[in-house]
Structures are given as C-alpha cells and as structure tokens.
C-alpha atoms as a PDB file:
ATOM      1  CA  MET A   1      -5.547 -10.409  21.068  1.00  0.00           C
ATOM      2  CA  ASN A   2      -8.066 -10.939  23.814  1.00  0.00           C
ATOM      3  CA  PRO A   3      -6.880 -13.369  26.535  1.00  0.00           C
ATOM      4  CA  SER A   4      -9.505 -14.574  28.966  1.00  0.00           C
ATOM      5  CA  LYS A   5     -10.097 -12.442  32.067  1.00  0.00           C
ATOM      6  CA  PRO A   6      -8.711 -13.586  35.421  1.00  0.00           C
ATOM      7  CA  SER A   7     -11.293 -15.293  37.554  1.00  0.00           C
ATOM      8  CA  GLY A   8     -12.626 -13.696  40.748  1.00  0.00           C
ATOM      9  CA  ASP A   9     -14.040 -10.303  41.549  1.00  0.00           C
ATOM     10  CA  PHE A  10     -10.880  -8.358  42.315  1.00  0.00           C
ATOM     11  CA  ALA A  11      -9.531  -5.044  41.150  1.00  0.00           C
ATOM     12  CA  ARG A  12      -7.239  -4.998  38.129  1.00  0.00           C
ATOM     13  CA  ARG A  13      -4.879  -2.126  37.582  1.00  0.00           C
ATOM     14  CA  THR A  14      -2.833  -1.885  34.403  1.00  0.00           C
ATOM     15  CA  LEU A  15      -0.121   0.641  33.541  1.00  0.00           C
ATOM     16  CA  VAL A  16       1.125   1.246  30.013  1.00  0.00           C
ATOM     17  CA  LEU A  17       4.572   2.847  29.927  1.00  0.00           C
ATOM     18  CA  LEU A  18       5.996   4.079  26.629  1.00  0.00           C
ATOM     19  CA  GLY A  19       9.269   2.360  25.797  1.00  0.00           C
ATOM     20  CA  VAL A  20       9.254   0.359  29.037  1.00  0.00           C
ATOM     21  CA  GLY A  21       6.588  -2.273  28.673  1.00  0.00           C
ATOM     22  CA  VAL A  22       3.509  -3.105  30.669  1.00  0.00           C
ATOM     23  CA  VAL A  23       3.128  -3.711  34.382  1.00  0.00           C
ATOM     24  CA  VAL A  24       0.208  -5.823  35.541  1.00  0.00           C
ATOM     25  CA  GLY A  25      -0.073  -6.002  39.320  1.00  0.00           C
ATOM     26  CA  VAL A  26       3.507  -6.544  40.483  1.00  0.00           C
ATOM     27  CA  THR A  27       4.666  -8.728  37.583  1.00  0.00           C
ATOM     28  CA  LEU A  28       6.876  -7.232  34.891  1.00  0.00           C
ATOM     29  CA  LEU A  29       6.366  -8.925  31.539  1.00  0.00           C
ATOM     30  CA  VAL A  30       8.904  -8.580  28.749  1.00  0.00           C
ATOM     31  CA  GLY A  31       9.266  -9.701  25.162  1.00  0.00           C
ATOM     32  CA  ALA A  32       6.296 -11.386  23.528  1.00  0.00           C
ATOM     33  CA  GLY A  33       4.300 -11.400  26.753  1.00  0.00           C
ATOM     34  CA  THR A  34       4.604  -7.628  27.072  1.00  0.00           C
ATOM     35  CA  TRP A  35       3.279  -7.044  23.577  1.00  0.00           C
ATOM     36  CA  ALA A  36       0.471  -9.519  24.097  1.00  0.00           C
ATOM     37  CA  ILE A  37      -0.701  -7.586  27.150  1.00  0.00           C
ATOM     38  CA  TYR A  38      -0.213  -4.269  25.364  1.00  0.00           C
ATOM     39  CA  GLY A  39      -2.355  -5.559  22.504  1.00  0.00           C
ATOM     40  CA  TRP A  40      -5.036  -6.573  24.982  1.00  0.00           C
ATOM     41  CA  ILE A  41      -4.975  -3.091  26.570  1.00  0.00           C
ATOM     42  CA  LEU A  42      -5.103  -1.431  23.155  1.00  0.00           C
ATOM     43  CA  ASP A  43      -8.171  -3.521  22.307  1.00  0.00           C
ATOM     44  CA  SER A  44      -9.776  -3.068  25.736  1.00  0.00           C
ATOM     45  CA  ALA A  45     -13.167  -1.411  26.111  1.00  0.00           C
ATOM     46  CA  PRO A  46     -11.869   1.850  27.678  1.00  0.00           C
ATOM     47  CA  SER A  47      -9.123   2.215  25.064  1.00  0.00           C
ATOM     48  CA  GLN A  48     -11.572   1.620  22.210  1.00  0.00           C
ATOM     49  CA  ALA A  49     -14.053   4.080  23.741  1.00  0.00           C
ATOM     50  CA  ALA A  50     -11.324   6.734  23.970  1.00  0.00           C
ATOM     51  CA  GLN A  51     -10.170   6.153  20.390  1.00  0.00           C
ATOM     52  CA  ALA A  52     -13.715   6.277  18.998  1.00  0.00           C
ATOM     53  CA  PHE A  53     -14.415   9.513  20.890  1.00  0.00           C
ATOM     54  CA  LEU A  54     -11.308  11.161  19.409  1.00  0.00           C
ATOM     55  CA  ARG A  55     -11.826   9.905  15.851  1.00  0.00           C
ATOM     56  CA  GLU A  56     -15.333  11.381  15.711  1.00  0.00           C
ATOM     57  CA  HIS A  57     -14.715  14.631  17.587  1.00  0.00           C
ATOM     58  CA  PRO A  58     -15.390  17.666  15.355  1.00  0.00           C
ATOM     59  CA  ASP A  59     -12.626  19.779  16.915  1.00  0.00           C
ATOM     60  CA  ILE A  60     -10.015  17.145  16.087  1.00  0.00           C
ATOM     61  CA  GLN A  61     -11.398  16.518  12.613  1.00  0.00           C
ATOM     62  CA  ALA A  62     -11.374  20.259  11.931  1.00  0.00           C
ATOM     63  CA  ASP A  63      -7.725  20.455  13.013  1.00  0.00           C
ATOM     64  CA  LEU A  64      -6.277  17.191  11.662  1.00  0.00           C
ATOM     65  CA  GLY A  65      -8.699  16.377   8.848  1.00  0.00           C
ATOM     66  CA  GLU A  66     -10.669  13.224   8.173  1.00  0.00           C
ATOM     67  CA  GLY A  67      -9.322   9.747   8.841  1.00  0.00           C
ATOM     68  CA  ILE A  68      -7.894  10.228  12.338  1.00  0.00           C
ATOM     69  CA  TRP A  69      -5.703   7.395  13.598  1.00  0.00           C
ATOM     70  CA  MET A  70      -3.457   6.690  16.594  1.00  0.00           C
ATOM     71  CA  ASP A  71       0.125   7.357  15.525  1.00  0.00           C
ATOM     72  CA  GLY A  72       2.327   5.760  18.175  1.00  0.00           C
ATOM     73  CA  MET A  73       1.997   3.970  21.505  1.00  0.00           C
ATOM     74  CA  LEU A  74      -0.874   4.485  23.881  1.00  0.00           C
ATOM     75  CA  GLN A  75       0.151   5.543  27.402  1.00  0.00           C
ATOM     76  CA  GLY A  76      -1.810   5.690  30.628  1.00  0.00           C
ATOM     77  CA  GLU A  77      -3.545   3.460  33.116  1.00  0.00           C
ATOM     78  CA  PHE A  78      -6.869   1.910  33.954  1.00  0.00           C
ATOM     79  CA  SER A  79      -8.363   0.034  36.845  1.00  0.00           C
ATOM     80  CA  GLU A  80     -11.491  -2.072  36.792  1.00  0.00           C
ATOM     81  CA  LYS A  81     -13.576  -3.932  39.336  1.00  0.00           C
ATOM     82  CA  ALA A  82     -16.763  -5.683  38.255  1.00  0.00           C
ATOM     83  CA  ALA A  83     -19.137  -2.977  36.933  1.00  0.00           C
ATOM     84  CA  THR A  84     -16.989   0.034  37.881  1.00  0.00           C
ATOM     85  CA  GLY A  85     -13.626   1.431  36.848  1.00  0.00           C
ATOM     86  CA  SER A  86     -11.585   4.423  35.773  1.00  0.00           C
ATOM     87  CA  ALA A  87      -9.029   5.080  33.054  1.00  0.00           C
ATOM     88  CA  THR A  88      -6.717   7.793  31.762  1.00  0.00           C
ATOM     89  CA  PHE A  89      -5.059   7.477  28.374  1.00  0.00           C
ATOM     90  CA  ARG A  90      -2.701   9.702  26.393  1.00  0.00           C
ATOM     91  CA  LEU A  91      -2.915   9.062  22.649  1.00  0.00           C
ATOM     92  CA  PRO A  92      -0.754  10.453  19.820  1.00  0.00           C
ATOM     93  CA  LEU A  93      -2.952  11.300  16.831  1.00  0.00           C
ATOM     94  CA  ARG A  94      -2.455  11.919  13.138  1.00  0.00           C
ATOM     95  CA  GLY A  95      -4.768  12.915  10.317  1.00  0.00           C
ATOM     96  CA  SER A  96      -4.476  14.009   6.717  1.00  0.00           C
ATOM     97  CA  GLN A  97      -3.515  17.546   7.789  1.00  0.00           C
ATOM     98  CA  GLY A  98      -1.124  17.038  10.692  1.00  0.00           C
ATOM     99  CA  GLU A  99      -0.611  15.562  14.128  1.00  0.00           C
ATOM    100  CA  GLY A 100      -1.542  16.204  17.745  1.00  0.00           C
ATOM    101  CA  TRP A 101      -2.217  14.375  20.996  1.00  0.00           C
ATOM    102  CA  ALA A 102      -5.042  13.953  23.463  1.00  0.00           C
ATOM    103  CA  GLU A 103      -5.502  12.891  27.056  1.00  0.00           C
ATOM    104  CA  VAL A 104      -8.814  11.189  27.747  1.00  0.00           C
ATOM    105  CA  ARG A 105     -10.332  10.295  31.106  1.00  0.00           C
ATOM    106  CA  LEU A 106     -13.060   7.680  31.394  1.00  0.00           C
ATOM    107  CA  THR A 107     -15.170   6.050  34.088  1.00  0.00           C
ATOM    108  CA  LYS A 108     -17.067   2.810  34.133  1.00  0.00           C
ATOM    109  CA  ALA A 109     -20.490   2.733  35.773  1.00  0.00           C
ATOM    110  CA  GLY A 110     -23.163   0.102  35.374  1.00  0.00           C
ATOM    111  CA  GLY A 111     -20.758  -1.897  33.235  1.00  0.00           C
ATOM    112  CA  GLN A 112     -20.397   0.871  30.620  1.00  0.00           C
ATOM    113  CA  TRP A 113     -17.311   2.987  29.883  1.00  0.00           C
ATOM    114  CA  ARG A 114     -17.847   6.665  29.078  1.00  0.00           C
ATOM    115  CA  VAL A 115     -15.550   9.636  28.495  1.00  0.00           C
ATOM    116  CA  THR A 116     -15.815  12.166  31.327  1.00  0.00           C
ATOM    117  CA  SER A 117     -13.228  14.739  30.215  1.00  0.00           C
ATOM    118  CA  ALA A 118     -10.527  15.211  27.609  1.00  0.00           C
ATOM    119  CA  ASP A 119      -7.760  17.629  26.646  1.00  0.00           C
ATOM    120  CA  TYR A 120      -6.341  18.098  23.152  1.00  0.00           C
ATOM    121  CA  GLU A 121      -3.253  19.781  21.730  1.00  0.00           C
ATOM    122  CA  GLY A 122      -3.194  20.128  17.962  1.00  0.00           C
ATOM    123  CA  ARG A 123      -1.154  21.748  15.246  1.00  0.00           C
ATOM    124  CA  ASP A 124      -1.140  25.159  16.923  1.00  0.00           C
ATOM    125  CA  GLY A 125       0.464  23.791  20.119  1.00  0.00           C
ATOM    126  CA  VAL A 126      -2.357  25.100  22.328  1.00  0.00           C
ATOM    127  CA  ARG A 127      -3.874  22.726  24.870  1.00  0.00           C
ATOM    128  CA  ARG A 128      -7.662  22.969  25.125  1.00  0.00           C
ATOM    129  CA  LYS A 129     -10.552  21.012  26.615  1.00  0.00           C
ATOM    130  CA  LEU A 130     -12.785  18.929  24.375  1.00  0.00           C
ATOM    131  CA  ALA A 131     -16.533  18.808  24.834  1.00  0.00           C
ATOM    132  CA  VAL A 132     -17.818  15.395  25.899  1.00  0.00           C
ATOM    133  CA  PRO A 133     -21.286  13.867  25.406  1.00  0.00           C
ATOM    134  CA  GLU A 134     -23.916  14.680  28.008  1.00  0.00           C
ATOM    135  CA  GLU A 135     -24.103  12.150  30.844  1.00  0.00           C
ATOM    136  CA  GLU A 136     -27.365  10.241  30.808  1.00  0.00           C
ATOM    137  CA  GLU A 137     -29.746  10.887  33.657  1.00  0.00           C
ATOM    138  CA  GLY A 138     -29.318   8.530  36.608  1.00  0.00           C
ATOM    139  CA  THR A 139     -25.691   7.541  35.973  1.00  0.00           C
ATOM    140  CA  ALA A 140     -22.896   9.160  37.955  1.00  0.00           C
ATOM    141  CA  GLY A 141     -23.162  12.075  40.386  1.00  0.00           C
ATOM    142  CA  LYS A 142     -23.382  15.652  39.254  1.00  0.00           C
ATOM    143  CA  ALA A 143     -20.221  17.623  38.566  1.00  0.00           C
ATOM    144  CA  PRO A 144     -19.480  20.799  40.532  1.00  0.00           C
ATOM    145  CA  ALA A 145     -21.316  23.865  39.251  1.00  0.00           C
ATOM    146  CA  ALA A 146     -19.402  25.770  36.615  1.00  0.00           C
ATOM    147  CA  ALA A 147     -19.037  29.537  36.378  1.00  0.00           C
ATOM    148  CA  PRO A 148     -21.661  31.154  34.082  1.00  0.00           C
ATOM    149  CA  LYS A 149     -19.158  31.881  31.273  1.00  0.00           C
ATOM    150  CA  GLU A 150     -17.639  28.395  31.451  1.00  0.00           C
ATOM    151  CA  GLU A 151     -21.111  26.902  31.560  1.00  0.00           C
ATOM    152  CA  ALA A 152     -22.139  28.811  28.419  1.00  0.00           C
ATOM    153  CA  GLU A 153     -18.947  27.813  26.589  1.00  0.00           C
ATOM    154  CA  ASP A 154     -19.472  24.187  27.583  1.00  0.00           C
ATOM    155  CA  ALA A 155     -23.066  24.317  26.328  1.00  0.00           C
ATOM    156  CA  ASP A 156     -21.877  25.781  23.018  1.00  0.00           C
ATOM    157  CA  ARG A 157     -19.231  23.087  22.662  1.00  0.00           C
ATOM    158  CA  LYS A 158     -21.739  20.322  23.305  1.00  0.00           C
ATOM    159  CA  GLN A 159     -24.092  21.767  20.701  1.00  0.00           C
ATOM    160  CA  LEU A 160     -21.212  21.854  18.214  1.00  0.00           C
ATOM    161  CA  VAL A 161     -20.479  18.189  18.906  1.00  0.00           C
ATOM    162  CA  HIS A 162     -24.185  17.366  18.529  1.00  0.00           C
ATOM    163  CA  ALA A 163     -24.461  19.283  15.249  1.00  0.00           C
ATOM    164  CA  HIS A 164     -21.371  17.585  13.859  1.00  0.00           C
ATOM    165  CA  GLY A 165     -22.781  14.191  14.801  1.00  0.00           C
ATOM    166  CA  LEU A 166     -26.005  14.963  12.931  1.00  0.00           C
ATOM    167  CA  TYR A 167     -24.007  16.078   9.912  1.00  0.00           C
ATOM    168  CA  LYS A 168     -21.965  12.858   9.916  1.00  0.00           C
ATOM    169  CA  GLU A 169     -25.244  10.914   9.977  1.00  0.00           C
ATOM    170  CA  GLY A 170     -26.354  12.690   6.807  1.00  0.00           C
ATOM    171  CA  ARG A 171     -28.785  14.978   8.652  1.00  0.00           C
ATOM    172  CA  GLY A 172     -27.350  18.254   7.431  1.00  0.00           C
ATOM    173  CA  ARG A 173     -30.512  20.321   7.808  1.00  0.00           C
ATOM    174  CA  ASP A 174     -30.990  19.123  11.384  1.00  0.00           C
ATOM    175  CA  ALA A 175     -27.369  20.081  12.062  1.00  0.00           C
ATOM    176  CA  VAL A 176     -28.017  23.589  10.703  1.00  0.00           C
ATOM    177  CA  THR A 177     -31.046  23.896  13.001  1.00  0.00           C
ATOM    178  CA  VAL A 178     -28.874  23.049  16.019  1.00  0.00           C
ATOM    179  CA  LEU A 179     -26.247  25.579  14.928  1.00  0.00           C
ATOM    180  CA  ASN A 180     -28.939  28.213  14.411  1.00  0.00           C
ATOM    181  CA  GLY A 181     -29.910  27.810  18.051  1.00  0.00           C
ATOM    182  CA  LEU A 182     -26.287  28.031  19.183  1.00  0.00           C
ATOM    183  CA  LEU A 183     -25.713  31.198  17.146  1.00  0.00           C
ATOM    184  CA  GLU A 184     -28.841  32.844  18.486  1.00  0.00           C
ATOM    185  CA  ARG A 185     -27.299  32.517  21.939  1.00  0.00           C
ATOM    186  CA  SER A 186     -23.670  33.148  20.876  1.00  0.00           C
ATOM    187  CA  PRO A 187     -23.745  35.123  17.599  1.00  0.00           C
ATOM    188  CA  ASP A 188     -19.960  35.635  17.568  1.00  0.00           C
ATOM    189  CA  ASN A 189     -19.050  31.955  17.851  1.00  0.00           C
ATOM    190  CA  ALA A 190     -16.682  31.820  14.876  1.00  0.00           C
ATOM    191  CA  GLU A 191     -16.323  28.038  14.926  1.00  0.00           C
ATOM    192  CA  ALA A 192     -20.102  27.548  14.790  1.00  0.00           C
ATOM    193  CA  LEU A 193     -20.268  29.964  11.851  1.00  0.00           C
ATOM    194  CA  TYR A 194     -17.585  27.956  10.078  1.00  0.00           C
ATOM    195  CA  TRP A 195     -19.378  24.672  10.616  1.00  0.00           C
ATOM    196  CA  ARG A 196     -22.709  26.118   9.471  1.00  0.00           C
ATOM    197  CA  ALA A 197     -20.969  27.489   6.368  1.00  0.00           C
ATOM    198  CA  GLN A 198     -19.410  24.075   5.715  1.00  0.00           C
ATOM    199  CA  ILE A 199     -22.719  22.260   6.020  1.00  0.00           C
ATOM    200  CA  ARG A 200     -24.595  24.856   3.984  1.00  0.00           C
ATOM    201  CA  THR A 201     -22.012  24.478   1.219  1.00  0.00           C
ATOM    202  CA  LYS A 202     -22.641  20.714   1.175  1.00  0.00           C
ATOM    203  CA  LEU A 203     -26.373  21.444   0.982  1.00  0.00           C
ATOM    204  CA  GLY A 204     -25.841  23.752  -2.008  1.00  0.00           C
ATOM    205  CA  GLU A 205     -26.753  26.888  -0.056  1.00  0.00           C
ATOM    206  CA  ASN A 206     -23.703  28.792  -1.262  1.00  0.00           C
ATOM    207  CA  GLU A 207     -24.951  32.334  -0.690  1.00  0.00           C
ATOM    208  CA  ALA A 208     -25.823  31.649   2.949  1.00  0.00           C
ATOM    209  CA  ALA A 209     -22.567  29.718   3.373  1.00  0.00           C
ATOM    210  CA  ARG A 210     -20.605  32.674   2.009  1.00  0.00           C
ATOM    211  CA  GLU A 211     -22.195  35.053   4.510  1.00  0.00           C
ATOM    212  CA  ASP A 212     -21.352  32.698   7.374  1.00  0.00           C
ATOM    213  CA  ILE A 213     -17.743  32.229   6.340  1.00  0.00           C
ATOM    214  CA  LEU A 214     -17.221  35.969   5.842  1.00  0.00           C
ATOM    215  CA  ARG A 215     -18.402  36.535   9.415  1.00  0.00           C
ATOM    216  CA  ALA A 216     -16.231  33.690  10.739  1.00  0.00           C
ATOM    217  CA  VAL A 217     -13.107  35.099   9.055  1.00  0.00           C
ATOM    218  CA  ALA A 218     -13.929  38.620  10.256  1.00  0.00           C
ATOM    219  CA  LEU A 219     -13.991  37.158  13.780  1.00  0.00           C
ATOM    220  CA  ASN A 220     -10.516  35.647  13.196  1.00  0.00           C
ATOM    221  CA  VAL A 221     -11.665  32.031  13.355  1.00  0.00           C
ATOM    222  CA  ASP A 222      -8.510  30.011  14.018  1.00  0.00           C
ATOM    223  CA  LEU A 223      -9.115  26.981  11.815  1.00  0.00           C
ATOM    224  CA  ARG A 224      -7.196  26.645   8.559  1.00  0.00           C
ATOM    225  CA  GLU A 225     -10.147  24.778   7.071  1.00  0.00           C
ATOM    226  CA  ALA A 226     -12.300  27.882   7.523  1.00  0.00           C
ATOM    227  CA  TYR A 227      -9.920  29.890   5.355  1.00  0.00           C
ATOM    228  CA  GLN A 228      -9.877  27.134   2.749  1.00  0.00           C
ATOM    229  CA  LEU A 229     -13.666  27.269   2.605  1.00  0.00           C
ATOM    230  CA  HIS A 230     -13.510  31.083   2.420  1.00  0.00           C
ATOM    231  CA  ASP A 231     -11.039  30.707  -0.470  1.00  0.00           C
ATOM    232  CA  PHE A 232     -13.278  28.202  -2.250  1.00  0.00           C
ATOM    233  CA  LEU A 233     -16.451  30.272  -1.973  1.00  0.00           C
ATOM    234  CA  LEU A 234     -14.931  33.634  -2.882  1.00  0.00           C
ATOM    235  CA  ALA A 235     -12.792  32.277  -5.730  1.00  0.00           C
ATOM    236  CA  ARG A 236     -15.996  31.656  -7.679  1.00  0.00           C
ATOM    237  CA  GLU A 237     -16.429  35.426  -7.768  1.00  0.00           C
ATOM    238  CA  ARG A 238     -12.714  36.087  -8.375  1.00  0.00           C
ATOM    239  CA  ARG A 239     -12.429  38.039  -5.109  1.00  0.00           C
ATOM    240  CA  TRP A 240      -8.688  37.473  -4.977  1.00  0.00           C
ATOM    241  CA  GLU A 241      -7.763  40.475  -2.824  1.00  0.00           C
ATOM    242  CA  GLU A 242     -10.173  39.441  -0.068  1.00  0.00           C
ATOM    243  CA  ILE A 243      -8.863  35.887  -0.154  1.00  0.00           C
ATOM    244  CA  ILE A 244      -5.240  37.069   0.032  1.00  0.00           C
ATOM    245  CA  HIS A 245      -6.062  39.407   2.912  1.00  0.00           C
ATOM    246  CA  ALA A 246      -7.700  36.557   4.856  1.00  0.00           C
ATOM    247  CA  TRP A 247      -4.785  34.160   4.279  1.00  0.00           C
ATOM    248  CA  THR A 248      -2.333  36.896   5.296  1.00  0.00           C
ATOM    249  CA  GLN A 249      -4.176  37.442   8.576  1.00  0.00           C
ATOM    250  CA  TYR A 250      -4.138  33.700   9.261  1.00  0.00           C
ATOM    251  CA  LEU A 251      -0.435  33.420   8.419  1.00  0.00           C
ATOM    252  CA  GLU A 252       0.422  36.245  10.799  1.00  0.00           C
ATOM    253  CA  ARG A 253      -0.787  33.908  13.545  1.00  0.00           C
ATOM    254  CA  HIS A 254       0.537  30.691  11.953  1.00  0.00           C
ATOM    255  CA  PRO A 255       3.640  31.617   9.915  1.00  0.00           C
ATOM    256  CA  GLU A 256       4.829  27.996   9.749  1.00  0.00           C
ATOM    257  CA  ASP A 257       1.656  26.622   8.135  1.00  0.00           C
ATOM    258  CA  ASP A 258       2.977  25.229   4.846  1.00  0.00           C
ATOM    259  CA  VAL A 259      -0.506  24.425   3.528  1.00  0.00           C
ATOM    260  CA  ALA A 260      -1.716  27.995   4.087  1.00  0.00           C
ATOM    261  CA  LEU A 261       1.340  29.316   2.242  1.00  0.00           C
ATOM    262  CA  LEU A 262       0.614  26.971  -0.652  1.00  0.00           C
ATOM    263  CA  GLU A 263      -3.011  28.134  -0.741  1.00  0.00           C
ATOM    264  CA  ARG A 264      -2.006  31.801  -0.750  1.00  0.00           C
ATOM    265  CA  ALA A 265       0.535  31.116  -3.500  1.00  0.00           C
ATOM    266  CA  GLY A 266      -2.288  29.837  -5.694  1.00  0.00           C
ATOM    267  CA  THR A 267      -4.322  32.959  -5.020  1.00  0.00           C
ATOM    268  CA  TRP A 268      -1.362  35.228  -5.808  1.00  0.00           C
ATOM    269  CA  HIS A 269      -1.038  33.379  -9.122  1.00  0.00           C
ATOM    270  CA  HIS A 270      -4.723  33.881  -9.989  1.00  0.00           C
ATOM    271  CA  HIS A 271      -4.367  37.537  -9.007  1.00  0.00           C
ATOM    272  CA  GLY A 272      -1.520  37.891 -11.514  1.00  0.00           C
ATOM    273  CA  ASP A 273       1.364  38.261  -9.047  1.00  0.00           C
ATOM    274  CA  ASP A 274       3.636  35.316  -9.796  1.00  0.00           C
ATOM    275  CA  VAL A 275       6.589  36.875  -7.966  1.00  0.00           C
ATOM    276  CA  ARG A 276       4.771  36.657  -4.639  1.00  0.00           C
ATOM    277  CA  ALA A 277       3.341  33.286  -5.604  1.00  0.00           C
ATOM    278  CA  VAL A 278       6.867  31.916  -6.050  1.00  0.00           C
ATOM    279  CA  GLU A 279       7.932  33.422  -2.709  1.00  0.00           C
ATOM    280  CA  ASP A 280       5.117  31.582  -0.924  1.00  0.00           C
ATOM    281  CA  LEU A 281       5.872  28.373  -2.806  1.00  0.00           C
ATOM    282  CA  LYS A 282       9.518  28.587  -1.787  1.00  0.00           C
ATOM    283  CA  ARG A 283       8.659  29.131   1.878  1.00  0.00           C
ATOM    284  CA  SER A 284       6.099  26.312   1.837  1.00  0.00           C
ATOM    285  CA  CYS A 285       8.649  24.004   0.208  1.00  0.00           C
ATOM    286  CA  GLU A 286      11.239  24.911   2.872  1.00  0.00           C
ATOM    287  CA  LEU A 287       8.678  23.855   5.477  1.00  0.00           C
ATOM    288  CA  GLY A 288       8.443  20.413   3.859  1.00  0.00           C
ATOM    289  CA  ASN A 289       5.421  20.681   1.550  1.00  0.00           C
ATOM    290  CA  GLY A 290       6.108  18.359  -1.389  1.00  0.00           C
ATOM    291  CA  SER A 291       3.418  19.858  -3.619  1.00  0.00           C
ATOM    292  CA  ALA A 292       4.889  23.326  -3.117  1.00  0.00           C
ATOM    293  CA  CYS A 293       8.363  22.007  -3.986  1.00  0.00           C
ATOM    294  CA  ARG A 294       7.118  20.514  -7.256  1.00  0.00           C
ATOM    295  CA  LEU A 295       5.262  23.706  -8.207  1.00  0.00           C
ATOM    296  CA  HIS A 296       8.251  25.871  -7.288  1.00  0.00           C
ATOM    297  CA  LYS A 297      10.513  23.776  -9.486  1.00  0.00           C
ATOM    298  CA  ARG A 298       8.032  23.970 -12.345  1.00  0.00           C
ATOM    299  CA  GLN A 299       7.826  27.768 -12.014  1.00  0.00           C
ATOM    300  CA  THR A 300      11.535  28.476 -11.562  1.00  0.00           C
ATOM    301  CA  GLY A 301      13.309  25.447 -13.017  1.00  0.00           C
ATOM    302  CA  GLN A 302      15.251  25.171  -9.742  1.00  0.00           C
END
C-alpha cells in the first residue's frame, strides 16, 4: 500500500506503537485505516533501508543463518521534511537458526536514507553494535573522534562487512584479500578467521581453511557456525576427539544450544560412544529440537 503523499512542504512525524496502532500527527486511526498506514510505514523508504541492511549484515547472518526476515511488528518512529529526515526502528528478526532483534537509526540527507548506527541482540542475549557502511564523502558532518581501540574495532568490523559483501557478490578471492589485510592488523580476530575459513572452504582451499578454523576455535570464537565448520573440516580426518573438545568448550558457554548438542551427539556416535550420544540427543530434544527427538526415539525406542 502506498497512498499519495500529503501536499505541501511540512514535516511529517509518524509513530508506530506495537499493539496500539499508528499515530499520524494528532489523529488516531483505528481499524482498517490503522493497518493501511502501518502498511505504508512498513513499505516506506527508511523501513525498507533498515530491513535490507539487517538482511545482508554478516553478523546477523552468522547468528541467525540465511534467509533473514522480520518476525513481528515493526516499532519506532520517523520524521521527514523534503530532502531531510531521521528514523529509529526496532525490528524483531528470525532466520533458519533462531531469532533476535535490532534497533536501527537512519538519517535522510540529499533525499537519500542511510543507516547511521544499529544495535543487535541475537541468540546469546548480548546486545552489540553493528558495523554500518562508510558514509560517502561530502554527505553529513563528521562523527566525534573515537578512542583508538574503538576506532580499530570499528575499522575491523567495516572490513568484515565489506568482505562479506564481496563474498555475496561471488567475489570470494577479493573477500579473502580484504580479510588478509584485516588479519595482518588484527591477527587474533576470531570472527575474521572464521569468515576466511568459510570462504576458503567454498573456494576448495580446505587445508588453508582448516588452519584458519583451528585458530578461530582456539581463540574461543563465539559463533556456532564456526564450530560447525570446524566439525565439517576435521571430520574428514576422523579427528573426533578434537571436534568433541571444541563442542564441549562452546557448550560450556551456551548450554542451552540444542543444535550444538545435536552436533556433538553425532560426533560421540562416530567416536563410538553411543551412551553419551544418547545423553546429548535427550538434552537437545528437551530443548525442543525435533531432529534430536526423532533420533533419540530411534536409538532408544522411547
């Protein structure tokens, strides 16, 4: 739905309130009118810019998996006047591996909406800042100077976003080059090591990928997908004890991760310890993992 814009060059301010409706100016709209306005806000340029930013962000994809979508009602506000504006949206998110939420702040300058900052809370319940694309020269004013450590972390995050974008475009080798530069500056960046291992695996460079993922796991990278890649690469060499040790370390930090328990159960089975495999399957099933429940029933008849 995209009703025509009101005539005149005046400021518009729109609030979206979960479970309450939508307020435009001082008029409260209910029923069909409310949902029509909500649909317009959902389809608005700042909302679409925020959703696109979140769908493509490598941190969110690493946490929630591919195919990110908005799972619930958008909340927030935006105001707009001619070529300028500002917006803040809170969006519930879901992917193939779980759910989270994000708060995105945008500004409009020169008629274009861009994300200026964003926070994300994923499956681990920890709120963190997301890297945003570099602002083009000559747009808005410069942000306050950051502390050296924060500046370095921000630069690393932006390079990760850039590398992931190259990878999504099918430019895997260019993405590896970007990550090489990041790791020269920050050799213990576990997330960068994971992403380089992931891309190298896709490129068929399994030996180099294995070295990267071993380093990432040794640095306690906190992404389940990193341990799944570690599992995949080391399973080819039947290095079951190393895989189990890595999953155990991860599960000490995330004891409620049903997928990790299911993965470790499979490794226990390959290692010849079906008693521990069944224990992990049972726990994973209790946490709601349907695949674990089916396997547990097949193994125990219960």
